[in-house]
Amino acid sequence: MIARAIARTAATAAFGLTMTSWPGTTPAQAGVMPAPVLPAHVSGHEARTLSVSDSPRVTSFSLKALNTGETLTVHMLGDRPTDESARAVAHLLRCTRTQKEHEIDPRLIAVLSHLAEATGSDLELVSGYRAPKNAHDKNFHTRGMAADVRVPGVRTWDLRKLAQDQKVPGLGYYPTSKMIHVDVRDVPYKWTDWSGPSR
């Protein structure tokens, strides 16, 4: 009897639900869970691919582009942005020099989401995608894999520490410019740059 009760509790906990989450539900009915209710921003295709057993956590965070003043609420399904949010992020992170857009690596958006969650605050985007200036310009910004960000009220050193704790692959610390660079390269690398914004 105790073993069955433990198994039932574990099964419901796996869904992030408890018996009391469903008014009128009896222990005998506990194994029958209704389909998850997804927010309106989730596309039909995304909704069809989800089931109760593998539904990712639905979260959101706010991202403000300092160069344009535009603000975007990014919706996440687990560690991936919704299709609509992915397109909106590509527009927000567009090259400010050419206005060209580029697909942003979903792993980078996940990094930004985790930083926003860790700080409990909105993120400010200093720089996102940068259109290549020549054939040799192949840094991670030109691939949609990097962003320079800051968080109001959070010291740059502390933001760097949070990114480091989250094992962000590419991590640059810019104490003079008061921002950090994050990217999703394959081989981890960290650096500090004391130069100012003009350099």
C-alpha atoms as a PDB file:
ATOM      1  CA  MET A   1       0.000   0.000   0.000  1.00  0.00           C
ATOM      2  CA  ILE A   2       2.780   2.455   0.927  1.00  0.00           C
ATOM      3  CA  ALA A   3       4.759   1.505  -2.170  1.00  0.00           C
ATOM      4  CA  ARG A   4       1.750   2.164  -4.405  1.00  0.00           C
ATOM      5  CA  ALA A   5       1.149   5.537  -2.726  1.00  0.00           C
ATOM      6  CA  ILE A   6       4.780   6.553  -3.266  1.00  0.00           C
ATOM      7  CA  ALA A   7       4.635   5.501  -6.910  1.00  0.00           C
ATOM      8  CA  ARG A   8       1.416   7.483  -7.419  1.00  0.00           C
ATOM      9  CA  THR A   9       2.938  10.577  -5.795  1.00  0.00           C
ATOM     10  CA  ALA A  10       6.071  10.292  -7.960  1.00  0.00           C
ATOM     11  CA  ALA A  11       3.975   9.961 -11.099  1.00  0.00           C
ATOM     12  CA  THR A  12       1.968  13.084 -10.376  1.00  0.00           C
ATOM     13  CA  ALA A  13       5.077  15.034  -9.337  1.00  0.00           C
ATOM     14  CA  ALA A  14       6.649  14.212 -12.708  1.00  0.00           C
ATOM     15  CA  PHE A  15       3.966  16.380 -14.300  1.00  0.00           C
ATOM     16  CA  GLY A  16       4.459  19.179 -11.776  1.00  0.00           C
ATOM     17  CA  LEU A  17       0.943  18.390 -10.519  1.00  0.00           C
ATOM     18  CA  THR A  18      -0.506  17.186  -7.240  1.00  0.00           C
ATOM     19  CA  MET A  19      -3.776  15.519  -6.324  1.00  0.00           C
ATOM     20  CA  THR A  20      -5.019  18.822  -4.933  1.00  0.00           C
ATOM     21  CA  SER A  21      -4.381  20.501  -8.300  1.00  0.00           C
ATOM     22  CA  TRP A  22      -7.570  18.955  -9.608  1.00  0.00           C
ATOM     23  CA  PRO A  23     -10.661  19.712  -7.465  1.00  0.00           C
ATOM     24  CA  GLY A  24     -12.814  16.651  -6.926  1.00  0.00           C
ATOM     25  CA  THR A  25     -10.125  14.242  -8.076  1.00  0.00           C
ATOM     26  CA  THR A  26      -9.981  11.010  -6.132  1.00  0.00           C
ATOM     27  CA  PRO A  27      -6.914   8.800  -5.763  1.00  0.00           C
ATOM     28  CA  ALA A  28      -8.489   6.318  -8.176  1.00  0.00           C
ATOM     29  CA  GLN A  29      -8.756   9.049 -10.785  1.00  0.00           C
ATOM     30  CA  ALA A  30      -5.292  10.451 -10.213  1.00  0.00           C
ATOM     31  CA  GLY A  31      -3.797   8.553 -13.126  1.00  0.00           C
ATOM     32  CA  VAL A  32      -6.050  10.390 -15.583  1.00  0.00           C
ATOM     33  CA  MET A  33      -4.616  13.779 -16.361  1.00  0.00           C
ATOM     34  CA  PRO A  34      -6.225  16.333 -18.712  1.00  0.00           C
ATOM     35  CA  ALA A  35      -4.269  17.706 -21.667  1.00  0.00           C
ATOM     36  CA  PRO A  36      -2.107  20.714 -20.783  1.00  0.00           C
ATOM     37  CA  VAL A  37      -3.478  24.164 -21.547  1.00  0.00           C
ATOM     38  CA  LEU A  38      -0.898  26.015 -23.611  1.00  0.00           C
ATOM     39  CA  PRO A  39      -0.717  29.800 -23.961  1.00  0.00           C
ATOM     40  CA  ALA A  40      -2.129  31.497 -27.038  1.00  0.00           C
ATOM     41  CA  HIS A  41       1.338  32.287 -28.439  1.00  0.00           C
ATOM     42  CA  VAL A  42       2.123  28.570 -28.921  1.00  0.00           C
ATOM     43  CA  SER A  43       1.671  27.658 -32.575  1.00  0.00           C
ATOM     44  CA  GLY A  44      -0.597  24.840 -33.687  1.00  0.00           C
ATOM     45  CA  HIS A  45       2.359  22.732 -34.789  1.00  0.00           C
ATOM     46  CA  GLU A  46       4.074  23.158 -31.422  1.00  0.00           C
ATOM     47  CA  ALA A  47       0.870  22.300 -29.585  1.00  0.00           C
ATOM     48  CA  ARG A  48       0.420  19.103 -31.604  1.00  0.00           C
ATOM     49  CA  THR A  49       3.930  17.926 -30.765  1.00  0.00           C
ATOM     50  CA  LEU A  50       3.369  18.205 -27.012  1.00  0.00           C
ATOM     51  CA  SER A  51       1.869  15.643 -24.695  1.00  0.00           C
ATOM     52  CA  VAL A  52       1.266  15.615 -20.955  1.00  0.00           C
ATOM     53  CA  SER A  53       4.306  13.452 -20.341  1.00  0.00           C
ATOM     54  CA  ASP A  54       6.808  15.658 -22.185  1.00  0.00           C
ATOM     55  CA  SER A  55       5.320  19.145 -21.952  1.00  0.00           C
ATOM     56  CA  PRO A  56       8.196  21.632 -21.472  1.00  0.00           C
ATOM     57  CA  ARG A  57       8.010  24.429 -18.954  1.00  0.00           C
ATOM     58  CA  VAL A  58       6.429  27.576 -20.393  1.00  0.00           C
ATOM     59  CA  THR A  59       8.301  30.759 -19.409  1.00  0.00           C
ATOM     60  CA  SER A  60       8.922  34.247 -20.741  1.00  0.00           C
ATOM     61  CA  PHE A  61      11.413  37.066 -20.329  1.00  0.00           C
ATOM     62  CA  SER A  62      11.755  40.650 -21.486  1.00  0.00           C
ATOM     63  CA  LEU A  63      14.525  41.895 -23.771  1.00  0.00           C
ATOM     64  CA  LYS A  64      15.118  45.569 -24.586  1.00  0.00           C
ATOM     65  CA  ALA A  65      17.323  46.746 -27.461  1.00  0.00           C
ATOM     66  CA  LEU A  66      19.200  49.818 -26.236  1.00  0.00           C
ATOM     67  CA  ASN A  67      19.996  51.065 -29.758  1.00  0.00           C
ATOM     68  CA  THR A  68      16.352  51.198 -30.878  1.00  0.00           C
ATOM     69  CA  GLY A  69      14.385  51.312 -27.617  1.00  0.00           C
ATOM     70  CA  GLU A  70      12.318  48.324 -28.743  1.00  0.00           C
ATOM     71  CA  THR A  71      11.182  45.867 -26.081  1.00  0.00           C
ATOM     72  CA  LEU A  72      10.161  42.276 -26.676  1.00  0.00           C
ATOM     73  CA  THR A  73       8.609  39.617 -24.475  1.00  0.00           C
ATOM     74  CA  VAL A  74      10.161  36.289 -25.475  1.00  0.00           C
ATOM     75  CA  HIS A  75       8.121  33.141 -24.841  1.00  0.00           C
ATOM     76  CA  MET A  76       9.987  29.885 -24.220  1.00  0.00           C
ATOM     77  CA  LEU A  77       8.912  26.248 -24.333  1.00  0.00           C
ATOM     78  CA  GLY A  78      11.591  24.653 -22.201  1.00  0.00           C
ATOM     79  CA  ASP A  79      14.908  25.792 -23.680  1.00  0.00           C
ATOM     80  CA  ARG A  80      13.497  26.774 -27.069  1.00  0.00           C
ATOM     81  CA  PRO A  81      11.654  29.927 -28.106  1.00  0.00           C
ATOM     82  CA  THR A  82       8.246  29.601 -29.723  1.00  0.00           C
ATOM     83  CA  ASP A  83       8.299  30.014 -33.498  1.00  0.00           C
ATOM     84  CA  GLU A  84       6.778  33.473 -33.195  1.00  0.00           C
ATOM     85  CA  SER A  85       9.291  34.558 -30.548  1.00  0.00           C
ATOM     86  CA  ALA A  86      12.225  33.209 -32.582  1.00  0.00           C
ATOM     87  CA  ARG A  87      11.200  35.441 -35.504  1.00  0.00           C
ATOM     88  CA  ALA A  88      10.695  38.419 -33.188  1.00  0.00           C
ATOM     89  CA  VAL A  89      14.125  37.914 -31.591  1.00  0.00           C
ATOM     90  CA  ALA A  90      15.760  37.824 -35.043  1.00  0.00           C
ATOM     91  CA  HIS A  91      14.160  41.207 -35.754  1.00  0.00           C
ATOM     92  CA  LEU A  92      15.124  42.716 -32.393  1.00  0.00           C
ATOM     93  CA  LEU A  93      18.737  41.509 -32.692  1.00  0.00           C
ATOM     94  CA  ARG A  94      19.058  42.744 -36.310  1.00  0.00           C
ATOM     95  CA  CYS A  95      22.228  44.494 -37.438  1.00  0.00           C
ATOM     96  CA  THR A  96      21.966  48.176 -36.526  1.00  0.00           C
ATOM     97  CA  ARG A  97      24.385  49.112 -39.330  1.00  0.00           C
ATOM     98  CA  THR A  98      22.560  47.422 -42.212  1.00  0.00           C
ATOM     99  CA  GLN A  99      19.159  46.556 -40.657  1.00  0.00           C
ATOM    100  CA  LYS A 100      19.637  43.007 -41.942  1.00  0.00           C
ATOM    101  CA  GLU A 101      18.150  40.168 -39.914  1.00  0.00           C
ATOM    102  CA  HIS A 102      19.634  36.735 -39.275  1.00  0.00           C
ATOM    103  CA  GLU A 103      18.257  33.640 -37.604  1.00  0.00           C
ATOM    104  CA  ILE A 104      19.371  33.601 -33.971  1.00  0.00           C
ATOM    105  CA  ASP A 105      20.663  30.337 -32.569  1.00  0.00           C
ATOM    106  CA  PRO A 106      18.003  28.932 -30.181  1.00  0.00           C
ATOM    107  CA  ARG A 107      20.790  28.028 -27.739  1.00  0.00           C
ATOM    108  CA  LEU A 108      21.685  31.718 -27.454  1.00  0.00           C
ATOM    109  CA  ILE A 109      18.063  32.628 -26.749  1.00  0.00           C
ATOM    110  CA  ALA A 110      18.060  29.942 -24.042  1.00  0.00           C
ATOM    111  CA  VAL A 111      21.179  31.528 -22.495  1.00  0.00           C
ATOM    112  CA  LEU A 112      19.419  34.901 -22.402  1.00  0.00           C
ATOM    113  CA  SER A 113      16.342  33.278 -20.875  1.00  0.00           C
ATOM    114  CA  HIS A 114      18.400  31.660 -18.117  1.00  0.00           C
ATOM    115  CA  LEU A 115      20.184  34.938 -17.323  1.00  0.00           C
ATOM    116  CA  ALA A 116      16.872  36.779 -17.079  1.00  0.00           C
ATOM    117  CA  GLU A 117      15.506  34.090 -14.783  1.00  0.00           C
ATOM    118  CA  ALA A 118      18.640  34.073 -12.617  1.00  0.00           C
ATOM    119  CA  THR A 119      18.580  37.856 -12.141  1.00  0.00           C
ATOM    120  CA  GLY A 120      14.797  38.123 -11.898  1.00  0.00           C
ATOM    121  CA  SER A 121      15.019  41.138 -14.189  1.00  0.00           C
ATOM    122  CA  ASP A 122      14.748  42.253 -17.810  1.00  0.00           C
ATOM    123  CA  LEU A 123      17.780  42.092 -20.095  1.00  0.00           C
ATOM    124  CA  GLU A 124      19.173  45.030 -22.035  1.00  0.00           C
ATOM    125  CA  LEU A 125      20.640  44.187 -25.444  1.00  0.00           C
ATOM    126  CA  VAL A 126      23.731  46.197 -26.337  1.00  0.00           C
ATOM    127  CA  SER A 127      24.540  44.296 -29.531  1.00  0.00           C
ATOM    128  CA  GLY A 128      23.179  41.238 -31.301  1.00  0.00           C
ATOM    129  CA  TYR A 129      23.603  40.178 -34.913  1.00  0.00           C
ATOM    130  CA  ARG A 130      26.208  42.051 -36.956  1.00  0.00           C
ATOM    131  CA  ALA A 131      26.265  41.692 -40.726  1.00  0.00           C
ATOM    132  CA  PRO A 132      29.772  40.678 -41.932  1.00  0.00           C
ATOM    133  CA  LYS A 133      31.835  43.583 -43.239  1.00  0.00           C
ATOM    134  CA  ASN A 134      33.975  41.322 -45.407  1.00  0.00           C
ATOM    135  CA  ALA A 135      34.626  37.650 -46.186  1.00  0.00           C
ATOM    136  CA  HIS A 136      36.966  37.343 -43.205  1.00  0.00           C
ATOM    137  CA  ASP A 137      34.484  38.770 -40.697  1.00  0.00           C
ATOM    138  CA  LYS A 138      33.227  35.552 -39.125  1.00  0.00           C
ATOM    139  CA  ASN A 139      32.921  36.211 -35.411  1.00  0.00           C
ATOM    140  CA  PHE A 140      29.999  34.772 -33.491  1.00  0.00           C
ATOM    141  CA  HIS A 141      27.941  37.961 -33.813  1.00  0.00           C
ATOM    142  CA  THR A 142      27.925  37.495 -37.605  1.00  0.00           C
ATOM    143  CA  ARG A 143      26.485  33.993 -37.192  1.00  0.00           C
ATOM    144  CA  GLY A 144      23.593  34.893 -34.913  1.00  0.00           C
ATOM    145  CA  MET A 145      25.306  33.082 -32.054  1.00  0.00           C
ATOM    146  CA  ALA A 146      26.330  35.984 -29.788  1.00  0.00           C
ATOM    147  CA  ALA A 147      24.894  38.919 -27.864  1.00  0.00           C
ATOM    148  CA  ASP A 148      26.223  41.649 -25.597  1.00  0.00           C
ATOM    149  CA  VAL A 149      23.904  42.293 -22.669  1.00  0.00           C
ATOM    150  CA  ARG A 150      23.539  43.999 -19.305  1.00  0.00           C
ATOM    151  CA  VAL A 151      20.919  43.977 -16.563  1.00  0.00           C
ATOM    152  CA  PRO A 152      19.839  47.204 -14.830  1.00  0.00           C
ATOM    153  CA  GLY A 153      20.728  47.120 -11.150  1.00  0.00           C
ATOM    154  CA  VAL A 154      23.034  44.111 -11.495  1.00  0.00           C
ATOM    155  CA  ARG A 155      26.790  44.667 -11.350  1.00  0.00           C
ATOM    156  CA  THR A 156      28.636  43.516 -14.454  1.00  0.00           C
ATOM    157  CA  TRP A 157      30.877  41.277 -12.358  1.00  0.00           C
ATOM    158  CA  ASP A 158      27.856  39.594 -10.785  1.00  0.00           C
ATOM    159  CA  LEU A 159      26.228  39.081 -14.190  1.00  0.00           C
ATOM    160  CA  ARG A 160      29.458  37.534 -15.421  1.00  0.00           C
ATOM    161  CA  LYS A 161      29.474  35.194 -12.427  1.00  0.00           C
ATOM    162  CA  LEU A 162      25.895  34.098 -13.146  1.00  0.00           C
ATOM    163  CA  ALA A 163      26.784  33.360 -16.777  1.00  0.00           C
ATOM    164  CA  GLN A 164      29.877  31.478 -15.654  1.00  0.00           C
ATOM    165  CA  ASP A 165      27.838  29.409 -13.191  1.00  0.00           C
ATOM    166  CA  GLN A 166      25.499  28.512 -16.047  1.00  0.00           C
ATOM    167  CA  LYS A 167      28.499  27.362 -18.102  1.00  0.00           C
ATOM    168  CA  VAL A 168      27.914  29.748 -21.005  1.00  0.00           C
ATOM    169  CA  PRO A 169      30.493  28.581 -23.618  1.00  0.00           C
ATOM    170  CA  GLY A 170      31.713  31.998 -24.799  1.00  0.00           C
ATOM    171  CA  LEU A 171      31.903  34.631 -22.084  1.00  0.00           C
ATOM    172  CA  GLY A 172      33.454  38.068 -22.369  1.00  0.00           C
ATOM    173  CA  TYR A 173      33.646  40.492 -19.445  1.00  0.00           C
ATOM    174  CA  TYR A 174      33.604  44.206 -20.359  1.00  0.00           C
ATOM    175  CA  PRO A 175      33.840  46.164 -17.081  1.00  0.00           C
ATOM    176  CA  THR A 176      34.377  49.563 -18.758  1.00  0.00           C
ATOM    177  CA  SER A 177      31.397  49.160 -21.102  1.00  0.00           C
ATOM    178  CA  LYS A 178      29.435  47.545 -18.238  1.00  0.00           C
ATOM    179  CA  MET A 179      28.263  44.540 -20.236  1.00  0.00           C
ATOM    180  CA  ILE A 180      29.032  40.901 -20.859  1.00  0.00           C
ATOM    181  CA  HIS A 181      29.332  39.058 -24.147  1.00  0.00           C
ATOM    182  CA  VAL A 182      27.706  35.624 -24.343  1.00  0.00           C
ATOM    183  CA  ASP A 183      27.889  33.179 -27.224  1.00  0.00           C
ATOM    184  CA  VAL A 184      27.249  29.504 -27.922  1.00  0.00           C
ATOM    185  CA  ARG A 185      30.537  28.408 -29.489  1.00  0.00           C
ATOM    186  CA  ASP A 186      31.571  24.749 -29.304  1.00  0.00           C
ATOM    187  CA  VAL A 187      34.886  25.207 -27.490  1.00  0.00           C
ATOM    188  CA  PRO A 188      34.533  27.218 -24.232  1.00  0.00           C
ATOM    189  CA  TYR A 189      36.504  30.456 -23.995  1.00  0.00           C
ATOM    190  CA  LYS A 190      36.504  33.377 -21.547  1.00  0.00           C
ATOM    191  CA  TRP A 191      38.164  36.788 -21.648  1.00  0.00           C
ATOM    192  CA  THR A 192      38.215  40.273 -20.135  1.00  0.00           C
ATOM    193  CA  ASP A 193      38.320  43.467 -22.226  1.00  0.00           C
ATOM    194  CA  TRP A 194      38.903  46.790 -20.487  1.00  0.00           C
ATOM    195  CA  SER A 195      38.500  48.892 -23.645  1.00  0.00           C
ATOM    196  CA  GLY A 196      35.588  51.312 -23.895  1.00  0.00           C
ATOM    197  CA  PRO A 197      32.634  51.288 -26.309  1.00  0.00           C
ATOM    198  CA  SER A 198      34.443  53.318 -28.990  1.00  0.00           C
ATOM    199  CA  ARG A 199      37.142  50.675 -29.314  1.00  0.00           C
END
